[in-house]
Amino acid sequence: MFREMRRKKQMLSLEECVAVLDNGTSGVLAVDGDNDYPYAVPLSYVYCDSKIFFHCARSGHKLDAIARNEKVSFCVIEADQVMPQEYTTYFRSVIVFGKARVLEDDMEKRMALEILAAKYTPDDERGRMQEIDKLFGQVSMIELTIEHMTGKEAIELVRMKP
């Protein structure tokens, strides 16, 4: 169903892919957009229990696209060091394929929102809970269930490994 990576030497292990997702702070969600155009949008996210969660407004392009087609992809770039003298970049990235759904249950939605908020404000539980309470009715939470995930890094980074 999903293509195999051609450059297997550069493939990240599952553990390395998870580390990229855990450490990343933003990624790009790609959906089936309007008029047969792909729509890719950068967003903040959290990876938890083999799923990715992100928030958005209660209406908009992203939600319309997901309602039409739940299949999405999501990409996170951890490293992108330009090496002009070598005519390359030292990169490390992960791409995820899966199905997205809007969390309708308030308990599910709140749990996902709390996990997301904790990632970005780990030292201010009281403040983040106040913000969640204030904006809970205005936000949607999306859960991306991962069906396939691959990661890749520059061959130069592979060669640097012990």
N, C-alpha and C. Protein backbone atom coordinates (compact mmCIF):
# COMPACT_ATOMS: atom_id res chain seq x y z
N MET A 1 0.82 -1.20 0.00
CA MET A 1 0.00 0.00 0.00
C MET A 1 0.86 1.26 0.00
N PHE A 2 1.92 1.28 0.82
CA PHE A 2 2.82 2.42 0.86
C PHE A 2 4.13 2.02 0.20
N ARG A 3 4.76 2.95 -0.46
CA ARG A 3 6.01 2.67 -1.16
C ARG A 3 7.14 2.39 -0.17
N GLU A 4 8.04 1.53 -0.58
CA GLU A 4 9.24 1.29 0.20
C GLU A 4 10.24 2.41 -0.08
N MET A 5 11.04 2.72 0.93
CA MET A 5 12.08 3.72 0.75
C MET A 5 13.18 3.13 -0.13
N ARG A 6 13.63 3.89 -1.11
CA ARG A 6 14.69 3.43 -2.01
C ARG A 6 16.05 3.40 -1.31
N ARG A 7 16.37 4.41 -0.58
CA ARG A 7 17.69 4.52 0.05
C ARG A 7 17.63 4.01 1.48
N LYS A 8 17.59 2.71 1.60
CA LYS A 8 17.38 2.06 2.90
C LYS A 8 18.48 2.37 3.92
N LYS A 9 19.70 2.64 3.45
CA LYS A 9 20.79 2.98 4.37
C LYS A 9 20.48 4.26 5.14
N GLN A 10 19.66 5.11 4.56
CA GLN A 10 19.34 6.41 5.17
C GLN A 10 18.06 6.36 6.01
N MET A 11 17.41 5.21 6.05
CA MET A 11 16.15 5.08 6.76
C MET A 11 16.36 5.13 8.27
N LEU A 12 15.52 5.90 8.94
CA LEU A 12 15.54 5.97 10.40
C LEU A 12 14.78 4.79 10.98
N SER A 13 15.21 4.33 12.13
CA SER A 13 14.48 3.27 12.84
C SER A 13 13.19 3.86 13.40
N LEU A 14 12.31 2.98 13.84
CA LEU A 14 11.07 3.44 14.48
C LEU A 14 11.39 4.32 15.68
N GLU A 15 12.35 3.94 16.49
CA GLU A 15 12.72 4.72 17.67
C GLU A 15 13.23 6.10 17.27
N GLU A 16 14.02 6.17 16.21
CA GLU A 16 14.53 7.46 15.74
C GLU A 16 13.40 8.33 15.19
N CYS A 17 12.45 7.72 14.49
CA CYS A 17 11.29 8.46 13.98
C CYS A 17 10.49 9.05 15.13
N VAL A 18 10.24 8.25 16.15
CA VAL A 18 9.50 8.72 17.32
C VAL A 18 10.24 9.86 18.00
N ALA A 19 11.57 9.76 18.10
CA ALA A 19 12.36 10.84 18.71
C ALA A 19 12.22 12.13 17.92
N VAL A 20 12.21 12.05 16.60
CA VAL A 20 12.02 13.25 15.77
C VAL A 20 10.66 13.86 16.07
N LEU A 21 9.62 13.03 16.13
CA LEU A 21 8.27 13.54 16.42
C LEU A 21 8.18 14.11 17.83
N ASP A 22 8.80 13.43 18.80
CA ASP A 22 8.78 13.92 20.17
C ASP A 22 9.49 15.27 20.31
N ASN A 23 10.60 15.43 19.62
CA ASN A 23 11.42 16.64 19.77
C ASN A 23 10.96 17.81 18.92
N GLY A 24 10.22 17.53 17.86
CA GLY A 24 9.80 18.60 16.95
C GLY A 24 8.77 19.52 17.58
N THR A 25 8.74 20.74 17.10
CA THR A 25 7.76 21.70 17.60
C THR A 25 6.75 22.13 16.54
N SER A 26 7.05 21.85 15.28
CA SER A 26 6.10 22.16 14.23
C SER A 26 6.26 21.16 13.10
N GLY A 27 5.19 21.01 12.35
CA GLY A 27 5.20 20.12 11.21
C GLY A 27 4.26 20.67 10.15
N VAL A 28 4.18 19.99 9.03
CA VAL A 28 3.32 20.43 7.94
C VAL A 28 2.32 19.32 7.65
N LEU A 29 1.04 19.67 7.78
CA LEU A 29 -0.06 18.76 7.50
C LEU A 29 -0.49 18.96 6.05
N ALA A 30 -0.60 17.87 5.30
CA ALA A 30 -1.05 17.93 3.92
C ALA A 30 -2.38 17.19 3.80
N VAL A 31 -3.34 17.88 3.21
CA VAL A 31 -4.69 17.33 3.04
C VAL A 31 -5.09 17.48 1.57
N ASP A 32 -6.19 16.84 1.22
CA ASP A 32 -6.77 16.95 -0.11
C ASP A 32 -7.58 18.24 -0.13
N GLY A 33 -7.00 19.29 -0.70
CA GLY A 33 -7.62 20.62 -0.63
C GLY A 33 -8.68 20.87 -1.68
N ASP A 34 -9.01 22.12 -1.84
CA ASP A 34 -10.05 22.54 -2.78
C ASP A 34 -9.57 22.44 -4.23
N ASN A 35 -10.49 22.18 -5.13
CA ASN A 35 -10.25 22.19 -6.58
C ASN A 35 -9.08 21.30 -6.99
N ASP A 36 -8.95 20.15 -6.36
CA ASP A 36 -7.90 19.17 -6.67
C ASP A 36 -6.49 19.66 -6.37
N TYR A 37 -6.35 20.72 -5.59
CA TYR A 37 -5.03 21.18 -5.16
C TYR A 37 -4.73 20.61 -3.78
N PRO A 38 -3.52 20.10 -3.58
CA PRO A 38 -3.13 19.72 -2.22
C PRO A 38 -3.09 20.98 -1.36
N TYR A 39 -3.36 20.83 -0.09
CA TYR A 39 -3.28 21.95 0.86
C TYR A 39 -2.37 21.50 1.99
N ALA A 40 -1.26 22.21 2.15
CA ALA A 40 -0.29 21.88 3.20
C ALA A 40 -0.17 23.09 4.11
N VAL A 41 -0.30 22.83 5.41
CA VAL A 41 -0.33 23.92 6.37
C VAL A 41 0.59 23.60 7.56
N PRO A 42 1.46 24.54 7.92
CA PRO A 42 2.31 24.32 9.10
C PRO A 42 1.49 24.45 10.37
N LEU A 43 1.82 23.63 11.37
CA LEU A 43 1.09 23.72 12.63
C LEU A 43 1.90 23.13 13.78
N SER A 44 1.50 23.48 14.98
CA SER A 44 2.05 22.90 16.20
C SER A 44 1.31 21.60 16.46
N TYR A 45 2.00 20.67 17.11
CA TYR A 45 1.41 19.34 17.30
C TYR A 45 2.03 18.69 18.53
N VAL A 46 1.46 17.56 18.91
CA VAL A 46 2.08 16.70 19.92
C VAL A 46 1.91 15.26 19.45
N TYR A 47 2.97 14.48 19.68
CA TYR A 47 2.95 13.05 19.39
C TYR A 47 2.73 12.33 20.71
N CYS A 48 1.74 11.43 20.75
CA CYS A 48 1.45 10.71 21.99
C CYS A 48 0.76 9.39 21.64
N ASP A 49 1.29 8.29 22.17
CA ASP A 49 0.68 6.97 21.98
C ASP A 49 0.41 6.64 20.52
N SER A 50 1.41 6.85 19.69
CA SER A 50 1.34 6.52 18.26
C SER A 50 0.28 7.34 17.51
N LYS A 51 -0.05 8.49 18.04
CA LYS A 51 -0.98 9.40 17.37
C LYS A 51 -0.40 10.81 17.42
N ILE A 52 -0.89 11.65 16.52
CA ILE A 52 -0.51 13.05 16.50
C ILE A 52 -1.77 13.86 16.73
N PHE A 53 -1.66 14.85 17.60
CA PHE A 53 -2.79 15.73 17.90
C PHE A 53 -2.42 17.16 17.57
N PHE A 54 -3.38 17.89 17.03
CA PHE A 54 -3.19 19.32 16.80
C PHE A 54 -4.54 20.02 16.93
N HIS A 55 -4.46 21.32 17.12
CA HIS A 55 -5.69 22.09 17.31
C HIS A 55 -5.90 23.02 16.12
N CYS A 56 -7.12 23.47 15.99
CA CYS A 56 -7.46 24.44 14.95
C CYS A 56 -8.77 25.11 15.33
N ALA A 57 -9.16 26.07 14.51
CA ALA A 57 -10.44 26.74 14.73
C ALA A 57 -11.57 25.74 14.48
N ARG A 58 -12.78 26.16 14.76
CA ARG A 58 -13.93 25.26 14.60
C ARG A 58 -14.44 25.20 13.16
N SER A 59 -13.85 26.00 12.28
CA SER A 59 -14.19 25.93 10.86
C SER A 59 -12.97 26.39 10.06
N GLY A 60 -12.95 25.99 8.79
CA GLY A 60 -11.85 26.41 7.94
C GLY A 60 -11.45 25.36 6.93
N HIS A 61 -10.47 25.71 6.13
CA HIS A 61 -10.00 24.89 5.02
C HIS A 61 -9.58 23.49 5.49
N LYS A 62 -8.80 23.44 6.55
CA LYS A 62 -8.29 22.17 7.08
C LYS A 62 -9.43 21.22 7.46
N LEU A 63 -10.40 21.74 8.21
CA LEU A 63 -11.53 20.90 8.64
C LEU A 63 -12.40 20.48 7.47
N ASP A 64 -12.61 21.38 6.53
CA ASP A 64 -13.40 21.02 5.34
C ASP A 64 -12.71 19.90 4.57
N ALA A 65 -11.40 19.99 4.42
CA ALA A 65 -10.65 18.97 3.67
C ALA A 65 -10.71 17.62 4.39
N ILE A 66 -10.53 17.63 5.71
CA ILE A 66 -10.58 16.38 6.49
C ILE A 66 -11.97 15.76 6.43
N ALA A 67 -13.00 16.59 6.43
CA ALA A 67 -14.37 16.07 6.34
C ALA A 67 -14.59 15.37 4.99
N ARG A 68 -13.96 15.88 3.94
CA ARG A 68 -14.09 15.28 2.60
C ARG A 68 -13.24 14.02 2.46
N ASN A 69 -12.04 14.05 3.07
CA ASN A 69 -11.11 12.93 2.90
C ASN A 69 -10.24 12.86 4.15
N GLU A 70 -10.42 11.82 4.93
CA GLU A 70 -9.70 11.68 6.21
C GLU A 70 -8.23 11.34 6.04
N LYS A 71 -7.82 10.92 4.85
CA LYS A 71 -6.42 10.55 4.61
C LYS A 71 -5.55 11.79 4.50
N VAL A 72 -4.48 11.82 5.30
CA VAL A 72 -3.59 12.97 5.35
C VAL A 72 -2.14 12.49 5.44
N SER A 73 -1.23 13.42 5.26
CA SER A 73 0.17 13.16 5.58
C SER A 73 0.68 14.32 6.42
N PHE A 74 1.73 14.04 7.16
CA PHE A 74 2.28 15.03 8.09
C PHE A 74 3.79 14.86 8.08
N CYS A 75 4.51 15.96 7.97
CA CYS A 75 5.97 15.93 7.87
C CYS A 75 6.60 16.81 8.94
N VAL A 76 7.65 16.28 9.57
CA VAL A 76 8.42 17.05 10.55
C VAL A 76 9.89 17.00 10.13
N ILE A 77 10.53 18.16 10.09
CA ILE A 77 11.95 18.24 9.76
C ILE A 77 12.70 18.58 11.04
N GLU A 78 13.59 17.67 11.44
CA GLU A 78 14.36 17.88 12.66
C GLU A 78 15.68 18.59 12.37
N ALA A 79 16.32 18.23 11.28
CA ALA A 79 17.62 18.81 10.95
C ALA A 79 17.60 19.28 9.51
N ASP A 80 18.24 20.40 9.26
CA ASP A 80 18.34 20.93 7.90
C ASP A 80 19.52 21.89 7.86
N GLN A 81 20.70 21.33 7.94
CA GLN A 81 21.91 22.14 7.97
C GLN A 81 22.48 22.23 6.56
N VAL A 82 22.45 23.43 6.00
CA VAL A 82 22.98 23.64 4.65
C VAL A 82 24.50 23.56 4.70
N MET A 83 25.06 22.77 3.81
CA MET A 83 26.51 22.60 3.71
C MET A 83 26.94 23.06 2.31
N PRO A 84 27.10 24.39 2.13
CA PRO A 84 27.37 24.91 0.78
C PRO A 84 28.64 24.35 0.16
N GLN A 85 29.66 24.12 0.97
CA GLN A 85 30.92 23.60 0.44
C GLN A 85 30.78 22.17 -0.09
N GLU A 86 29.71 21.45 0.36
CA GLU A 86 29.48 20.08 -0.10
C GLU A 86 28.30 19.98 -1.07
N TYR A 87 27.65 21.11 -1.35
CA TYR A 87 26.50 21.16 -2.24
C TYR A 87 25.38 20.23 -1.78
N THR A 88 25.10 20.26 -0.47
CA THR A 88 24.07 19.39 0.08
C THR A 88 23.56 19.97 1.39
N THR A 89 22.62 19.28 1.98
CA THR A 89 22.16 19.60 3.33
C THR A 89 22.23 18.34 4.17
N TYR A 90 22.49 18.53 5.44
CA TYR A 90 22.43 17.43 6.40
C TYR A 90 21.04 17.50 7.01
N PHE A 91 20.18 16.60 6.59
CA PHE A 91 18.77 16.65 6.99
C PHE A 91 18.38 15.40 7.76
N ARG A 92 17.32 15.53 8.51
CA ARG A 92 16.66 14.39 9.16
C ARG A 92 15.18 14.76 9.23
N SER A 93 14.33 13.87 8.73
CA SER A 93 12.90 14.18 8.70
C SER A 93 12.08 12.91 8.80
N VAL A 94 10.82 13.11 9.15
CA VAL A 94 9.85 12.02 9.26
C VAL A 94 8.60 12.42 8.52
N ILE A 95 8.02 11.46 7.82
CA ILE A 95 6.72 11.68 7.20
C ILE A 95 5.78 10.58 7.67
N VAL A 96 4.58 11.00 8.01
CA VAL A 96 3.54 10.12 8.54
C VAL A 96 2.36 10.13 7.58
N PHE A 97 1.77 8.98 7.38
CA PHE A 97 0.53 8.86 6.63
C PHE A 97 -0.51 8.29 7.58
N GLY A 98 -1.72 8.81 7.54
CA GLY A 98 -2.75 8.28 8.41
C GLY A 98 -4.09 8.91 8.15
N LYS A 99 -4.98 8.67 9.11
CA LYS A 99 -6.35 9.18 9.00
C LYS A 99 -6.61 10.16 10.14
N ALA A 100 -7.21 11.28 9.78
CA ALA A 100 -7.49 12.34 10.74
C ALA A 100 -8.97 12.36 11.07
N ARG A 101 -9.26 12.67 12.33
CA ARG A 101 -10.65 12.83 12.73
C ARG A 101 -10.75 13.94 13.77
N VAL A 102 -11.86 14.64 13.75
CA VAL A 102 -12.14 15.66 14.75
C VAL A 102 -12.60 14.96 16.02
N LEU A 103 -12.03 15.33 17.14
CA LEU A 103 -12.45 14.76 18.43
C LEU A 103 -13.74 15.46 18.86
N GLU A 104 -14.83 14.72 18.87
CA GLU A 104 -16.14 15.27 19.21
C GLU A 104 -16.45 15.13 20.70
N ASP A 105 -15.96 14.07 21.32
CA ASP A 105 -16.19 13.83 22.74
C ASP A 105 -15.39 14.84 23.57
N ASP A 106 -16.06 15.56 24.46
CA ASP A 106 -15.39 16.60 25.25
C ASP A 106 -14.25 16.06 26.10
N MET A 107 -14.38 14.86 26.64
CA MET A 107 -13.30 14.30 27.46
C MET A 107 -12.07 13.99 26.60
N GLU A 108 -12.30 13.39 25.43
CA GLU A 108 -11.20 13.11 24.50
C GLU A 108 -10.53 14.41 24.06
N LYS A 109 -11.36 15.37 23.72
CA LYS A 109 -10.86 16.65 23.24
C LYS A 109 -10.02 17.34 24.33
N ARG A 110 -10.53 17.35 25.55
CA ARG A 110 -9.81 18.01 26.64
C ARG A 110 -8.49 17.30 26.94
N MET A 111 -8.50 15.97 26.94
CA MET A 111 -7.27 15.23 27.22
C MET A 111 -6.21 15.56 26.16
N ALA A 112 -6.61 15.55 24.89
CA ALA A 112 -5.67 15.85 23.80
C ALA A 112 -5.16 17.29 23.91
N LEU A 113 -6.05 18.21 24.24
CA LEU A 113 -5.66 19.62 24.38
C LEU A 113 -4.69 19.80 25.54
N GLU A 114 -4.92 19.10 26.63
CA GLU A 114 -4.01 19.18 27.78
C GLU A 114 -2.63 18.63 27.44
N ILE A 115 -2.59 17.54 26.69
CA ILE A 115 -1.30 16.95 26.27
C ILE A 115 -0.55 17.92 25.36
N LEU A 116 -1.29 18.52 24.42
CA LEU A 116 -0.69 19.49 23.51
C LEU A 116 -0.15 20.70 24.28
N ALA A 117 -0.95 21.24 25.16
CA ALA A 117 -0.55 22.43 25.92
C ALA A 117 0.65 22.13 26.82
N ALA A 118 0.68 20.94 27.40
CA ALA A 118 1.80 20.57 28.28
C ALA A 118 3.12 20.51 27.51
N LYS A 119 3.06 20.14 26.24
CA LYS A 119 4.29 20.10 25.44
C LYS A 119 4.91 21.48 25.31
N TYR A 120 4.08 22.49 25.14
CA TYR A 120 4.59 23.83 24.85
C TYR A 120 4.73 24.72 26.08
N THR A 121 4.03 24.38 27.16
CA THR A 121 4.16 25.13 28.42
C THR A 121 4.26 24.15 29.58
N PRO A 122 5.35 23.39 29.64
CA PRO A 122 5.46 22.34 30.66
C PRO A 122 5.56 22.87 32.09
N ASP A 123 5.98 24.10 32.25
CA ASP A 123 6.21 24.63 33.60
C ASP A 123 5.10 25.54 34.10
N ASP A 124 3.97 25.56 33.42
CA ASP A 124 2.90 26.47 33.83
C ASP A 124 1.54 25.76 33.74
N GLU A 125 1.36 24.75 34.57
CA GLU A 125 0.11 23.98 34.51
C GLU A 125 -1.10 24.86 34.79
N ARG A 126 -1.01 25.69 35.79
CA ARG A 126 -2.16 26.55 36.13
C ARG A 126 -2.52 27.47 34.96
N GLY A 127 -1.54 28.10 34.38
CA GLY A 127 -1.79 29.01 33.25
C GLY A 127 -2.38 28.30 32.05
N ARG A 128 -1.84 27.13 31.74
CA ARG A 128 -2.37 26.42 30.56
C ARG A 128 -3.78 25.91 30.81
N MET A 129 -4.09 25.49 32.04
CA MET A 129 -5.45 25.04 32.33
C MET A 129 -6.44 26.21 32.25
N GLN A 130 -6.02 27.38 32.69
CA GLN A 130 -6.88 28.56 32.57
C GLN A 130 -7.14 28.89 31.10
N GLU A 131 -6.10 28.80 30.30
CA GLU A 131 -6.24 29.08 28.86
C GLU A 131 -7.15 28.06 28.20
N ILE A 132 -6.99 26.79 28.54
CA ILE A 132 -7.85 25.74 27.99
C ILE A 132 -9.30 26.00 28.39
N ASP A 133 -9.54 26.31 29.66
CA ASP A 133 -10.91 26.59 30.12
C ASP A 133 -11.52 27.76 29.36
N LYS A 134 -10.71 28.78 29.14
CA LYS A 134 -11.18 30.00 28.48
C LYS A 134 -11.54 29.76 27.01
N LEU A 135 -10.75 28.94 26.33
CA LEU A 135 -10.90 28.80 24.88
C LEU A 135 -11.48 27.45 24.43
N PHE A 136 -11.85 26.61 25.37
CA PHE A 136 -12.28 25.24 25.04
C PHE A 136 -13.38 25.19 23.99
N GLY A 137 -14.36 26.05 24.10
CA GLY A 137 -15.49 26.04 23.16
C GLY A 137 -15.16 26.58 21.79
N GLN A 138 -14.02 27.25 21.66
CA GLN A 138 -13.65 27.87 20.38
C GLN A 138 -12.66 27.04 19.56
N VAL A 139 -12.21 25.94 20.11
CA VAL A 139 -11.14 25.18 19.47
C VAL A 139 -11.62 23.78 19.08
N SER A 140 -11.06 23.28 18.00
CA SER A 140 -11.25 21.88 17.61
C SER A 140 -9.93 21.16 17.82
N MET A 141 -10.01 19.89 18.16
CA MET A 141 -8.83 19.05 18.27
C MET A 141 -8.93 17.94 17.23
N ILE A 142 -7.83 17.72 16.55
CA ILE A 142 -7.76 16.69 15.52
C ILE A 142 -6.81 15.60 16.00
N GLU A 143 -7.20 14.36 15.80
CA GLU A 143 -6.37 13.20 16.10
C GLU A 143 -5.97 12.57 14.76
N LEU A 144 -4.68 12.39 14.57
CA LEU A 144 -4.17 11.72 13.38
C LEU A 144 -3.68 10.34 13.81
N THR A 145 -4.37 9.31 13.37
CA THR A 145 -3.98 7.94 13.66
C THR A 145 -2.99 7.50 12.58
N ILE A 146 -1.79 7.14 13.02
CA ILE A 146 -0.72 6.82 12.09
C ILE A 146 -0.92 5.42 11.50
N GLU A 147 -0.88 5.34 10.17
CA GLU A 147 -0.94 4.07 9.47
C GLU A 147 0.42 3.66 8.92
N HIS A 148 1.24 4.65 8.62
CA HIS A 148 2.57 4.38 8.05
C HIS A 148 3.47 5.56 8.38
N MET A 149 4.72 5.24 8.73
CA MET A 149 5.66 6.30 9.10
C MET A 149 7.05 5.91 8.60
N THR A 150 7.72 6.86 7.99
CA THR A 150 9.11 6.65 7.59
C THR A 150 9.92 7.87 7.96
N GLY A 151 11.19 7.64 8.19
CA GLY A 151 12.12 8.72 8.45
C GLY A 151 13.37 8.51 7.63
N LYS A 152 14.02 9.61 7.34
CA LYS A 152 15.21 9.54 6.51
C LYS A 152 16.17 10.61 6.96
N GLU A 153 17.48 10.32 6.82
CA GLU A 153 18.49 11.32 7.11
C GLU A 153 19.55 11.31 6.02
N ALA A 154 20.28 12.40 5.94
CA ALA A 154 21.34 12.54 4.95
C ALA A 154 22.36 11.43 5.12
N ILE A 155 22.89 10.97 4.03
CA ILE A 155 23.89 9.90 4.08
C ILE A 155 25.10 10.32 4.92
N GLU A 156 25.41 11.60 4.91
CA GLU A 156 26.53 12.10 5.71
C GLU A 156 26.28 11.90 7.20
N LEU A 157 25.05 12.05 7.65
CA LEU A 157 24.72 11.81 9.04
C LEU A 157 24.79 10.32 9.37
N VAL A 158 24.39 9.49 8.43
CA VAL A 158 24.49 8.04 8.61
C VAL A 158 25.96 7.67 8.81
N ARG A 159 26.82 8.23 8.00
CA ARG A 159 28.26 7.91 8.08
C ARG A 159 28.91 8.37 9.37
N MET A 160 28.31 9.38 10.03
CA MET A 160 28.87 9.89 11.29
C MET A 160 28.50 9.03 12.50
N LYS A 161 27.54 8.12 12.31
CA LYS A 161 27.11 7.28 13.43
C LYS A 161 28.20 6.27 13.77
N PRO A 162 28.31 5.93 15.05
CA PRO A 162 29.34 4.96 15.45
C PRO A 162 29.04 3.56 14.91
